[in-house]
Amino acid sequence: MKDEVLKKEELIKIIKSLVAEQVEAYVREHEEKMKEFSLLERIIRVEEELKAQREIIASLQREMSARFEAVDKRFESLQREMDKRFESVEKRLSFLQWFMAGGFTFISVLITIIISEIICYKGFQKKLKEARV
């Protein structure tokens, strides 16, 4: 009976060691698979994050393009306004230039007439003096 108990105990030890070895081998094998699975999960998460980042960058680029177009439109409208203002100032200056030229011409003609009248008057006075004498 002791032999049977010893055999049972030995058999239990052998079974325990075999089971422990099998469990350890199973764990090792699946541990590597779990590491691979974990790496795959990480890769998938990184790829998803990269995709999200690309979408964010694309949306930012669209927003920037829209803003730049708005700024371009503002500059174009400002340019048109400035052109209109400069044209109006140019018209005013042109009018003033013609007005000043006309004024100078008028004054020159007036001075010429006055001088010729003075000369004629002096000539008339000279003839009067000669006639009196």
C-alpha atoms as a PDB file:
ATOM      1  CA  MET A   1       0.000   0.000   0.000  1.00  0.00           C
ATOM      2  CA  LYS A   2       2.868   2.253   0.716  1.00  0.00           C
ATOM      3  CA  ASP A   3       4.113   1.581  -2.736  1.00  0.00           C
ATOM      4  CA  GLU A   4       0.809   2.638  -4.158  1.00  0.00           C
ATOM      5  CA  VAL A   5       0.793   5.815  -2.104  1.00  0.00           C
ATOM      6  CA  LEU A   6       4.362   6.519  -3.183  1.00  0.00           C
ATOM      7  CA  LYS A   7       3.490   5.832  -6.790  1.00  0.00           C
ATOM      8  CA  LYS A   8       0.479   8.084  -6.517  1.00  0.00           C
ATOM      9  CA  GLU A   9       2.586  10.838  -4.988  1.00  0.00           C
ATOM     10  CA  GLU A  10       5.264  10.412  -7.626  1.00  0.00           C
ATOM     11  CA  LEU A  11       2.617  10.299 -10.300  1.00  0.00           C
ATOM     12  CA  ILE A  12       1.050  13.473  -8.873  1.00  0.00           C
ATOM     13  CA  LYS A  13       4.478  15.183  -8.825  1.00  0.00           C
ATOM     14  CA  ILE A  14       5.160  14.106 -12.399  1.00  0.00           C
ATOM     15  CA  ILE A  15       1.716  15.247 -13.525  1.00  0.00           C
ATOM     16  CA  LYS A  16       2.141  18.556 -11.692  1.00  0.00           C
ATOM     17  CA  SER A  17       5.546  19.123 -13.276  1.00  0.00           C
ATOM     18  CA  LEU A  18       4.202  18.196 -16.718  1.00  0.00           C
ATOM     19  CA  VAL A  19       1.173  20.416 -16.278  1.00  0.00           C
ATOM     20  CA  ALA A  20       3.396  23.234 -15.029  1.00  0.00           C
ATOM     21  CA  GLU A  21       5.686  22.825 -18.053  1.00  0.00           C
ATOM     22  CA  GLN A  22       2.733  22.739 -20.440  1.00  0.00           C
ATOM     23  CA  VAL A  23       1.148  25.780 -18.811  1.00  0.00           C
ATOM     24  CA  GLU A  24       4.471  27.599 -18.906  1.00  0.00           C
ATOM     25  CA  ALA A  25       4.966  26.717 -22.606  1.00  0.00           C
ATOM     26  CA  TYR A  26       1.390  27.779 -23.358  1.00  0.00           C
ATOM     27  CA  VAL A  27       1.895  31.063 -21.524  1.00  0.00           C
ATOM     28  CA  ARG A  28       5.209  31.696 -23.326  1.00  0.00           C
ATOM     29  CA  GLU A  29       3.669  30.970 -26.696  1.00  0.00           C
ATOM     30  CA  HIS A  30       0.650  33.126 -26.038  1.00  0.00           C
ATOM     31  CA  GLU A  31       2.747  35.816 -24.385  1.00  0.00           C
ATOM     32  CA  GLU A  32       4.588  36.341 -27.677  1.00  0.00           C
ATOM     33  CA  LYS A  33       1.267  36.348 -29.494  1.00  0.00           C
ATOM     34  CA  MET A  34      -0.051  38.879 -26.985  1.00  0.00           C
ATOM     35  CA  LYS A  35       3.036  41.020 -27.548  1.00  0.00           C
ATOM     36  CA  GLU A  36       2.447  40.804 -31.292  1.00  0.00           C
ATOM     37  CA  PHE A  37      -1.223  41.617 -30.780  1.00  0.00           C
ATOM     38  CA  SER A  38      -0.292  44.541 -28.549  1.00  0.00           C
ATOM     39  CA  LEU A  39       2.132  45.828 -31.183  1.00  0.00           C
ATOM     40  CA  LEU A  40      -0.538  45.478 -33.858  1.00  0.00           C
ATOM     41  CA  GLU A  41      -2.990  47.409 -31.690  1.00  0.00           C
ATOM     42  CA  ARG A  42      -0.410  50.153 -31.190  1.00  0.00           C
ATOM     43  CA  ILE A  43       0.339  50.305 -34.915  1.00  0.00           C
ATOM     44  CA  ILE A  44      -3.376  50.561 -35.668  1.00  0.00           C
ATOM     45  CA  ARG A  45      -3.796  53.343 -33.094  1.00  0.00           C
ATOM     46  CA  VAL A  46      -0.806  55.222 -34.517  1.00  0.00           C
ATOM     47  CA  GLU A  47      -2.179  54.890 -38.059  1.00  0.00           C
ATOM     48  CA  GLU A  48      -5.591  56.115 -36.920  1.00  0.00           C
ATOM     49  CA  GLU A  49      -3.980  59.063 -35.157  1.00  0.00           C
ATOM     50  CA  LEU A  50      -1.951  59.879 -38.283  1.00  0.00           C
ATOM     51  CA  LYS A  51      -5.123  59.785 -40.331  1.00  0.00           C
ATOM     52  CA  ALA A  52      -6.818  62.119 -37.845  1.00  0.00           C
ATOM     53  CA  GLN A  53      -3.809  64.463 -37.952  1.00  0.00           C
ATOM     54  CA  ARG A  54      -3.920  64.507 -41.760  1.00  0.00           C
ATOM     55  CA  GLU A  55      -7.605  65.411 -41.638  1.00  0.00           C
ATOM     56  CA  ILE A  56      -6.900  68.193 -39.147  1.00  0.00           C
ATOM     57  CA  ILE A  57      -4.071  69.535 -41.312  1.00  0.00           C
ATOM     58  CA  ALA A  58      -6.275  69.379 -44.415  1.00  0.00           C
ATOM     59  CA  SER A  59      -9.064  71.281 -42.646  1.00  0.00           C
ATOM     60  CA  LEU A  60      -6.564  73.880 -41.395  1.00  0.00           C
ATOM     61  CA  GLN A  61      -5.245  74.302 -44.926  1.00  0.00           C
ATOM     62  CA  ARG A  62      -8.791  74.810 -46.222  1.00  0.00           C
ATOM     63  CA  GLU A  63      -9.430  77.406 -43.502  1.00  0.00           C
ATOM     64  CA  MET A  64      -6.153  79.180 -44.258  1.00  0.00           C
ATOM     65  CA  SER A  65      -6.958  79.226 -47.966  1.00  0.00           C
ATOM     66  CA  ALA A  66     -10.381  80.699 -47.240  1.00  0.00           C
ATOM     67  CA  ARG A  67      -8.855  83.351 -44.984  1.00  0.00           C
ATOM     68  CA  PHE A  68      -6.183  84.245 -47.536  1.00  0.00           C
ATOM     69  CA  GLU A  69      -8.871  84.567 -50.206  1.00  0.00           C
ATOM     70  CA  ALA A  70     -10.830  86.871 -47.891  1.00  0.00           C
ATOM     71  CA  VAL A  71      -7.714  88.979 -47.291  1.00  0.00           C
ATOM     72  CA  ASP A  72      -7.068  89.092 -51.041  1.00  0.00           C
ATOM     73  CA  LYS A  73     -10.620  90.292 -51.608  1.00  0.00           C
ATOM     74  CA  ARG A  74     -10.146  92.975 -48.955  1.00  0.00           C
ATOM     75  CA  PHE A  75      -6.934  94.167 -50.587  1.00  0.00           C
ATOM     76  CA  GLU A  76      -8.613  94.214 -53.984  1.00  0.00           C
ATOM     77  CA  SER A  77     -11.525  96.271 -52.664  1.00  0.00           C
ATOM     78  CA  LEU A  78      -9.108  98.645 -50.899  1.00  0.00           C
ATOM     79  CA  GLN A  79      -7.131  98.948 -54.120  1.00  0.00           C
ATOM     80  CA  ARG A  80     -10.306  99.802 -56.039  1.00  0.00           C
ATOM     81  CA  GLU A  81     -11.257 102.410 -53.423  1.00  0.00           C
ATOM     82  CA  MET A  82      -7.797 103.958 -53.528  1.00  0.00           C
ATOM     83  CA  ASP A  83      -7.922 104.037 -57.333  1.00  0.00           C
ATOM     84  CA  LYS A  84     -11.261 105.869 -57.180  1.00  0.00           C
ATOM     85  CA  ARG A  85      -9.881 108.353 -54.662  1.00  0.00           C
ATOM     86  CA  PHE A  86      -6.759 109.009 -56.715  1.00  0.00           C
ATOM     87  CA  GLU A  87      -8.881 109.481 -59.836  1.00  0.00           C
ATOM     88  CA  SER A  88     -11.045 112.036 -58.043  1.00  0.00           C
ATOM     89  CA  VAL A  89      -7.960 113.840 -56.714  1.00  0.00           C
ATOM     90  CA  GLU A  90      -6.460 113.751 -60.194  1.00  0.00           C
ATOM     91  CA  LYS A  91      -9.650 115.297 -61.637  1.00  0.00           C
ATOM     92  CA  ARG A  92      -9.561 118.034 -58.996  1.00  0.00           C
ATOM     93  CA  LEU A  93      -5.913 118.760 -59.690  1.00  0.00           C
ATOM     94  CA  SER A  94      -6.576 118.804 -63.411  1.00  0.00           C
ATOM     95  CA  PHE A  95      -9.422 121.262 -62.868  1.00  0.00           C
ATOM     96  CA  LEU A  96      -7.201 123.430 -60.642  1.00  0.00           C
ATOM     97  CA  GLN A  97      -4.438 123.321 -63.215  1.00  0.00           C
ATOM     98  CA  TRP A  98      -6.771 124.543 -65.965  1.00  0.00           C
ATOM     99  CA  PHE A  99      -8.289 127.122 -63.650  1.00  0.00           C
ATOM    100  CA  MET A 100      -4.855 128.447 -62.676  1.00  0.00           C
ATOM    101  CA  ALA A 101      -3.738 128.517 -66.325  1.00  0.00           C
ATOM    102  CA  GLY A 102      -6.898 130.413 -67.250  1.00  0.00           C
ATOM    103  CA  GLY A 103      -6.395 132.792 -64.333  1.00  0.00           C
ATOM    104  CA  PHE A 104      -2.778 133.486 -65.269  1.00  0.00           C
ATOM    105  CA  THR A 105      -3.780 134.016 -68.883  1.00  0.00           C
ATOM    106  CA  PHE A 106      -6.519 136.414 -67.834  1.00  0.00           C
ATOM    107  CA  ILE A 107      -4.168 138.334 -65.539  1.00  0.00           C
ATOM    108  CA  SER A 108      -1.489 138.453 -68.270  1.00  0.00           C
ATOM    109  CA  VAL A 109      -4.005 139.799 -70.793  1.00  0.00           C
ATOM    110  CA  LEU A 110      -5.304 142.287 -68.232  1.00  0.00           C
ATOM    111  CA  ILE A 111      -1.784 143.507 -67.410  1.00  0.00           C
ATOM    112  CA  THR A 112      -0.994 143.791 -71.105  1.00  0.00           C
ATOM    113  CA  ILE A 113      -4.121 145.822 -71.705  1.00  0.00           C
ATOM    114  CA  ILE A 114      -3.398 148.063 -68.736  1.00  0.00           C
ATOM    115  CA  ILE A 115       0.204 148.621 -69.812  1.00  0.00           C
ATOM    116  CA  SER A 116      -0.852 149.383 -73.388  1.00  0.00           C
ATOM    117  CA  GLU A 117      -3.501 151.788 -72.071  1.00  0.00           C
ATOM    118  CA  ILE A 118      -0.898 153.485 -69.887  1.00  0.00           C
ATOM    119  CA  ILE A 119       1.436 153.776 -72.840  1.00  0.00           C
ATOM    120  CA  CYS A 120      -1.381 155.120 -75.007  1.00  0.00           C
ATOM    121  CA  TYR A 121      -2.367 157.534 -72.249  1.00  0.00           C
ATOM    122  CA  LYS A 122       1.208 158.789 -71.925  1.00  0.00           C
ATOM    123  CA  GLY A 123       1.356 159.185 -75.692  1.00  0.00           C
ATOM    124  CA  PHE A 124      -1.952 161.058 -75.596  1.00  0.00           C
ATOM    125  CA  GLN A 125      -0.685 163.349 -72.823  1.00  0.00           C
ATOM    126  CA  LYS A 126       2.480 164.019 -74.789  1.00  0.00           C
ATOM    127  CA  LYS A 127       0.430 164.972 -77.834  1.00  0.00           C
ATOM    128  CA  LEU A 128      -1.718 167.198 -75.654  1.00  0.00           C
ATOM    129  CA  LYS A 129       1.325 168.997 -74.305  1.00  0.00           C
ATOM    130  CA  GLU A 130       2.645 169.463 -77.802  1.00  0.00           C
ATOM    131  CA  ALA A 131      -0.726 170.724 -78.925  1.00  0.00           C
ATOM    132  CA  ARG A 132      -0.839 173.238 -76.095  1.00  0.00           C
ATOM    133  CA  VAL A 133       2.474 174.595 -76.828  1.00  0.00           C
END
